N, C-alpha and C. Protein backbone atom coordinates (compact mmCIF):
# COMPACT_ATOMS: atom_id res chain seq x y z
N MET A 1 0.82 -1.09 0.04
CA MET A 1 0.03 0.01 -0.01
C MET A 1 0.78 1.41 -0.02
N LYS A 2 0.73 2.08 -0.82
CA LYS A 2 1.55 3.44 -1.28
C LYS A 2 1.16 4.73 -0.41
N ILE A 3 0.01 4.69 0.06
CA ILE A 3 -0.64 5.81 0.89
C ILE A 3 -0.48 5.49 2.63
N ARG A 4 0.16 6.43 3.10
CA ARG A 4 -0.16 6.25 4.31
C ARG A 4 -0.59 7.57 5.25
N LYS A 5 -0.57 7.08 6.48
CA LYS A 5 -1.57 8.21 7.29
C LYS A 5 -0.22 9.63 7.17
N GLY A 6 -1.02 10.78 6.94
CA GLY A 6 -0.51 11.91 7.15
C GLY A 6 -0.46 12.63 5.76
N ASP A 7 -0.73 11.54 4.41
CA ASP A 7 -0.64 11.97 3.13
C ASP A 7 -1.60 12.98 2.75
N THR A 8 -1.42 13.59 1.80
CA THR A 8 -2.55 14.51 1.39
C THR A 8 -2.99 13.73 -0.02
N VAL A 9 -4.05 13.64 -0.22
CA VAL A 9 -4.51 12.78 -1.40
C VAL A 9 -5.87 13.51 -2.01
N VAL A 10 -6.32 13.32 -3.30
CA VAL A 10 -7.26 13.75 -3.82
C VAL A 10 -8.28 12.85 -4.41
N VAL A 11 -9.33 13.00 -4.31
CA VAL A 11 -10.39 11.82 -4.88
C VAL A 11 -10.93 11.65 -6.14
N ARG A 12 -10.99 10.72 -6.66
CA ARG A 12 -11.08 10.50 -7.98
C ARG A 12 -12.63 10.29 -8.34
N ILE A 13 -13.05 9.28 -7.71
CA ILE A 13 -14.06 8.97 -8.27
C ILE A 13 -15.21 9.03 -6.80
N GLY A 14 -16.49 9.51 -7.31
CA GLY A 14 -17.69 9.46 -6.09
C GLY A 14 -18.36 11.13 -6.18
N LYS A 15 -18.83 11.11 -5.05
CA LYS A 15 -19.66 12.38 -4.94
C LYS A 15 -19.00 13.59 -4.25
N ASN A 16 -17.66 13.11 -3.61
CA ASN A 16 -16.62 14.39 -3.53
C ASN A 16 -15.38 13.97 -4.19
N ARG A 17 -15.73 14.11 -5.64
CA ARG A 17 -14.61 14.35 -6.54
C ARG A 17 -13.87 15.35 -6.45
N SER A 18 -12.56 15.23 -6.90
CA SER A 18 -11.77 16.11 -7.15
C SER A 18 -11.60 17.22 -5.26
N VAL A 19 -11.87 16.49 -4.34
CA VAL A 19 -11.61 16.86 -3.01
C VAL A 19 -10.32 16.44 -2.53
N ARG A 20 -9.75 17.33 -1.77
CA ARG A 20 -8.34 17.14 -1.22
C ARG A 20 -8.45 17.04 -0.20
N GLY A 21 -8.08 16.27 0.60
CA GLY A 21 -7.66 15.97 2.03
C GLY A 21 -6.63 15.36 2.71
N LYS A 22 -6.67 15.39 4.05
CA LYS A 22 -5.36 14.44 4.53
C LYS A 22 -6.03 13.16 5.07
N VAL A 23 -5.08 12.02 4.96
CA VAL A 23 -5.68 10.79 5.48
C VAL A 23 -5.51 10.73 7.02
N GLU A 24 -6.08 10.15 7.59
CA GLU A 24 -6.60 10.46 9.05
C GLU A 24 -6.19 8.64 9.76
N ARG A 25 -6.59 8.06 8.66
CA ARG A 25 -6.27 6.17 9.33
C ARG A 25 -6.22 5.54 8.14
N VAL A 26 -5.53 4.35 8.27
CA VAL A 26 -5.45 3.71 6.97
C VAL A 26 -5.92 2.09 7.53
N PHE A 27 -6.71 1.39 6.87
CA PHE A 27 -7.47 0.18 7.03
C PHE A 27 -6.57 -0.96 6.30
N LYS A 28 -5.53 -1.01 6.49
CA LYS A 28 -5.00 -2.08 5.53
C LYS A 28 -5.74 -3.81 5.09
N LYS A 29 -6.34 -3.95 6.09
CA LYS A 29 -7.00 -5.40 5.78
C LYS A 29 -7.94 -5.08 4.72
N ASP A 30 -8.82 -3.96 5.04
CA ASP A 30 -10.01 -3.78 4.24
C ASP A 30 -9.54 -2.71 2.85
N GLU A 31 -8.37 -2.12 2.87
CA GLU A 31 -8.00 -1.26 1.89
C GLU A 31 -8.69 -0.26 1.77
N ARG A 32 -9.14 0.19 2.67
CA ARG A 32 -9.58 1.76 2.81
C ARG A 32 -8.92 2.41 3.58
N ILE A 33 -9.17 3.78 3.54
CA ILE A 33 -8.91 5.11 4.15
C ILE A 33 -9.90 6.09 4.74
N LEU A 34 -9.47 6.86 5.89
CA LEU A 34 -10.25 7.78 6.26
C LEU A 34 -9.59 9.06 6.08
N VAL A 35 -10.19 10.24 5.08
CA VAL A 35 -9.84 11.07 4.80
C VAL A 35 -10.57 12.34 5.08
N THR A 36 -9.91 13.35 5.95
CA THR A 36 -10.79 14.53 6.56
C THR A 36 -11.71 15.23 5.43
N GLY A 37 -12.92 15.70 5.59
CA GLY A 37 -13.76 16.29 4.97
C GLY A 37 -14.37 15.50 3.82
N VAL A 38 -14.10 14.12 3.76
CA VAL A 38 -14.42 13.44 2.68
C VAL A 38 -15.55 12.28 2.78
N ASN A 39 -16.33 11.74 2.19
CA ASN A 39 -17.51 10.90 2.30
C ASN A 39 -18.15 10.96 3.73
N ILE A 40 -18.92 12.03 4.03
CA ILE A 40 -19.54 12.73 5.17
C ILE A 40 -20.69 11.97 5.14
N ILE A 41 -21.19 10.91 6.29
CA ILE A 41 -22.22 10.43 6.23
C ILE A 41 -23.27 10.70 7.44
N THR A 42 -24.53 10.85 7.54
CA THR A 42 -25.54 11.00 9.10
C THR A 42 -25.75 9.69 9.53
N LYS A 43 -25.46 9.92 10.81
CA LYS A 43 -25.81 8.65 11.59
C LYS A 43 -26.71 8.88 12.62
N HIS A 44 -27.77 8.33 12.42
CA HIS A 44 -29.00 8.39 13.71
C HIS A 44 -28.58 7.33 15.17
N VAL A 45 -28.42 8.36 16.12
CA VAL A 45 -27.99 7.83 17.49
C VAL A 45 -28.92 7.85 18.44
N LYS A 46 -29.36 6.60 18.85
CA LYS A 46 -30.14 6.56 20.27
C LYS A 46 -29.54 7.00 21.45
N ALA A 47 -30.11 7.53 22.23
CA ALA A 47 -29.48 7.89 23.24
C ALA A 47 -29.28 7.03 24.37
N SER A 48 -27.90 6.95 25.06
CA SER A 48 -27.71 5.88 26.29
C SER A 48 -27.34 6.15 27.09
N GLN A 49 -27.59 5.39 28.44
CA GLN A 49 -27.34 6.03 29.65
C GLN A 49 -25.70 6.50 30.00
N GLY A 50 -24.85 6.08 29.11
CA GLY A 50 -23.47 6.64 29.47
C GLY A 50 -23.59 7.97 29.08
N MET A 51 -22.44 8.44 27.78
CA MET A 51 -22.34 9.76 27.72
C MET A 51 -22.81 10.43 26.22
N ARG A 52 -23.22 9.31 25.54
CA ARG A 52 -23.79 9.49 24.28
C ARG A 52 -25.18 10.95 23.95
N GLN A 53 -24.61 11.74 23.11
CA GLN A 53 -26.05 12.78 23.07
C GLN A 53 -26.63 11.91 21.67
N ALA A 54 -27.91 12.19 21.93
CA ALA A 54 -28.62 11.55 20.65
C ALA A 54 -28.85 12.36 19.90
N GLY A 55 -29.40 11.89 18.63
CA GLY A 55 -29.53 12.62 17.53
C GLY A 55 -29.06 12.41 16.50
N ARG A 56 -28.65 13.34 15.36
CA ARG A 56 -28.15 13.04 14.20
C ARG A 56 -26.83 13.36 14.01
N ILE A 57 -25.85 12.55 14.09
CA ILE A 57 -23.95 12.61 13.98
C ILE A 57 -23.72 12.59 12.66
N GLN A 58 -23.06 13.60 12.37
CA GLN A 58 -22.09 13.48 11.17
C GLN A 58 -20.87 13.17 11.18
N GLN A 59 -20.36 12.40 10.35
CA GLN A 59 -18.78 11.42 10.78
C GLN A 59 -18.66 11.14 9.14
N GLU A 60 -17.29 11.10 9.13
CA GLU A 60 -16.49 10.53 7.95
C GLU A 60 -16.38 8.97 8.01
N ALA A 61 -16.68 8.48 6.74
CA ALA A 61 -16.77 7.33 6.53
C ALA A 61 -15.66 6.82 5.89
N PRO A 62 -15.02 5.67 5.85
CA PRO A 62 -13.62 5.02 5.10
C PRO A 62 -14.00 5.04 3.34
N ILE A 63 -13.23 5.39 2.74
CA ILE A 63 -13.46 4.95 1.25
C ILE A 63 -12.40 4.29 0.68
N HIS A 64 -12.54 3.48 -0.42
CA HIS A 64 -11.51 2.56 -0.68
C HIS A 64 -10.18 3.05 -1.46
N ILE A 65 -9.22 2.59 -1.12
CA ILE A 65 -7.93 3.38 -1.51
C ILE A 65 -7.90 3.54 -2.70
N SER A 66 -8.62 2.87 -4.06
CA SER A 66 -8.37 3.02 -5.29
C SER A 66 -9.36 4.14 -5.97
N ASN A 67 -9.83 4.77 -4.83
CA ASN A 67 -10.71 5.92 -5.32
C ASN A 67 -9.92 7.43 -5.04
N VAL A 68 -8.78 7.08 -4.82
CA VAL A 68 -7.96 8.56 -4.43
C VAL A 68 -6.48 8.28 -5.02
N THR A 69 -5.88 9.41 -5.17
CA THR A 69 -4.70 9.50 -5.89
C THR A 69 -3.71 10.22 -4.90
N LEU A 70 -2.48 9.80 -4.47
CA LEU A 70 -1.53 10.69 -3.55
C LEU A 70 -1.14 11.92 -4.36
N VAL A 71 -1.00 12.85 -3.50
CA VAL A 71 -0.59 14.37 -3.97
C VAL A 71 0.83 14.31 -3.48
N CYS A 72 1.84 15.00 -4.50
CA CYS A 72 3.06 15.07 -4.02
C CYS A 72 3.19 16.54 -3.47
N ASP A 73 3.87 16.51 -2.54
CA ASP A 73 3.88 17.84 -1.74
C ASP A 73 5.12 19.02 -2.34
N LYS A 74 6.35 18.39 -3.41
CA LYS A 74 6.88 19.31 -4.09
C LYS A 74 6.02 19.92 -5.26
N CYS A 75 5.55 19.01 -6.24
CA CYS A 75 4.88 19.69 -7.10
C CYS A 75 3.53 20.11 -7.13
N ASN A 76 2.92 19.71 -6.32
CA ASN A 76 1.34 19.85 -5.61
C ASN A 76 0.55 19.40 -6.75
N ASN A 77 1.03 18.26 -7.25
CA ASN A 77 0.19 17.47 -8.36
C ASN A 77 -0.15 16.17 -7.97
N PRO A 78 -1.59 15.51 -8.35
CA PRO A 78 -1.69 13.96 -7.93
C PRO A 78 -0.79 13.30 -9.13
N THR A 79 0.06 12.30 -8.35
CA THR A 79 0.83 11.41 -9.18
C THR A 79 0.85 10.00 -8.44
N ARG A 80 1.58 9.28 -9.50
CA ARG A 80 1.48 7.96 -8.73
C ARG A 80 3.11 8.10 -8.09
N SER A 81 3.56 6.88 -7.47
CA SER A 81 4.82 7.11 -6.54
C SER A 81 5.50 5.66 -6.71
N ASN A 82 6.64 5.36 -7.31
CA ASN A 82 7.59 4.38 -7.40
C ASN A 82 8.42 4.45 -5.87
N ILE A 83 8.84 3.40 -5.96
CA ILE A 83 9.51 2.93 -4.35
C ILE A 83 11.54 2.96 -5.00
N LYS A 84 12.18 3.72 -4.25
CA LYS A 84 13.56 3.95 -4.66
C LYS A 84 14.21 3.48 -3.33
N PHE A 85 15.51 2.97 -3.45
CA PHE A 85 16.28 2.42 -2.42
C PHE A 85 17.44 3.73 -2.29
N LEU A 86 17.87 4.14 -1.27
CA LEU A 86 18.90 5.31 -1.09
C LEU A 86 19.92 4.64 -0.62
N GLU A 87 20.77 5.53 -0.88
CA GLU A 87 22.34 4.61 -0.56
C GLU A 87 22.59 4.00 0.71
N ASP A 88 22.10 4.90 1.61
CA ASP A 88 22.10 4.06 2.93
C ASP A 88 21.20 2.74 3.27
N GLY A 89 20.26 2.31 2.02
CA GLY A 89 19.74 1.34 2.48
C GLY A 89 18.19 1.39 2.58
N LYS A 90 17.89 2.97 2.57
CA LYS A 90 16.51 3.33 3.22
C LYS A 90 15.52 3.22 1.92
N LYS A 91 14.34 3.05 2.33
CA LYS A 91 13.32 2.80 1.23
C LYS A 91 12.62 3.97 1.07
N VAL A 92 12.20 4.86 0.11
CA VAL A 92 11.29 5.88 0.11
C VAL A 92 10.36 5.83 -1.13
N ARG A 93 9.42 6.84 -1.17
CA ARG A 93 8.52 6.67 -2.01
C ARG A 93 8.71 7.91 -3.03
N VAL A 94 9.00 7.77 -4.06
CA VAL A 94 9.38 8.64 -5.10
C VAL A 94 8.40 9.16 -6.34
N CYS A 95 8.06 10.55 -6.51
CA CYS A 95 6.96 11.24 -7.29
C CYS A 95 7.39 10.72 -9.04
N GLN A 96 6.75 10.08 -9.54
CA GLN A 96 7.08 10.10 -10.91
C GLN A 96 6.78 11.32 -12.11
N LYS A 97 6.36 12.18 -11.47
CA LYS A 97 6.49 13.84 -12.27
C LYS A 97 7.78 14.27 -11.96
N CYS A 98 8.19 14.80 -10.98
CA CYS A 98 8.85 15.58 -10.33
C CYS A 98 10.42 14.69 -9.86
N LYS A 99 10.00 13.56 -9.83
CA LYS A 99 11.42 12.60 -9.41
C LYS A 99 12.06 12.92 -8.08
N GLU A 100 11.15 13.53 -7.04
CA GLU A 100 11.59 14.05 -5.88
C GLU A 100 10.69 13.10 -4.90
N ALA A 101 11.75 12.72 -3.69
CA ALA A 101 11.15 11.77 -2.62
C ALA A 101 10.00 12.58 -1.75
N ILE A 102 8.86 11.67 -1.69
CA ILE A 102 7.99 12.11 -1.08
C ILE A 102 7.84 12.12 0.32
N ASP A 103 8.46 10.99 0.67
CA ASP A 103 8.84 11.02 2.27
C ASP A 103 9.71 12.04 3.15
């Protein structure tokens, strides 16, 4: 998986198309990610004896990782990434457009 927590991504498909957001959480098993401000759903919550407030709560839902594209920090464009090994053996992601390291 080439997208990590903290990356900036742009949505390619769906009702939030062309919206940029930051990755909050990655669900590797389900191949889904949670992006801030994208895929907002309304959940109806019943009052419980604990601390929950009853009513309609809006929250972000995860989207599939194939529906987003990574945005390069240097050139600020959506791009694919390659993996490159540095001289010290460290593995970094590289932007295909500007050839700069993303990490």
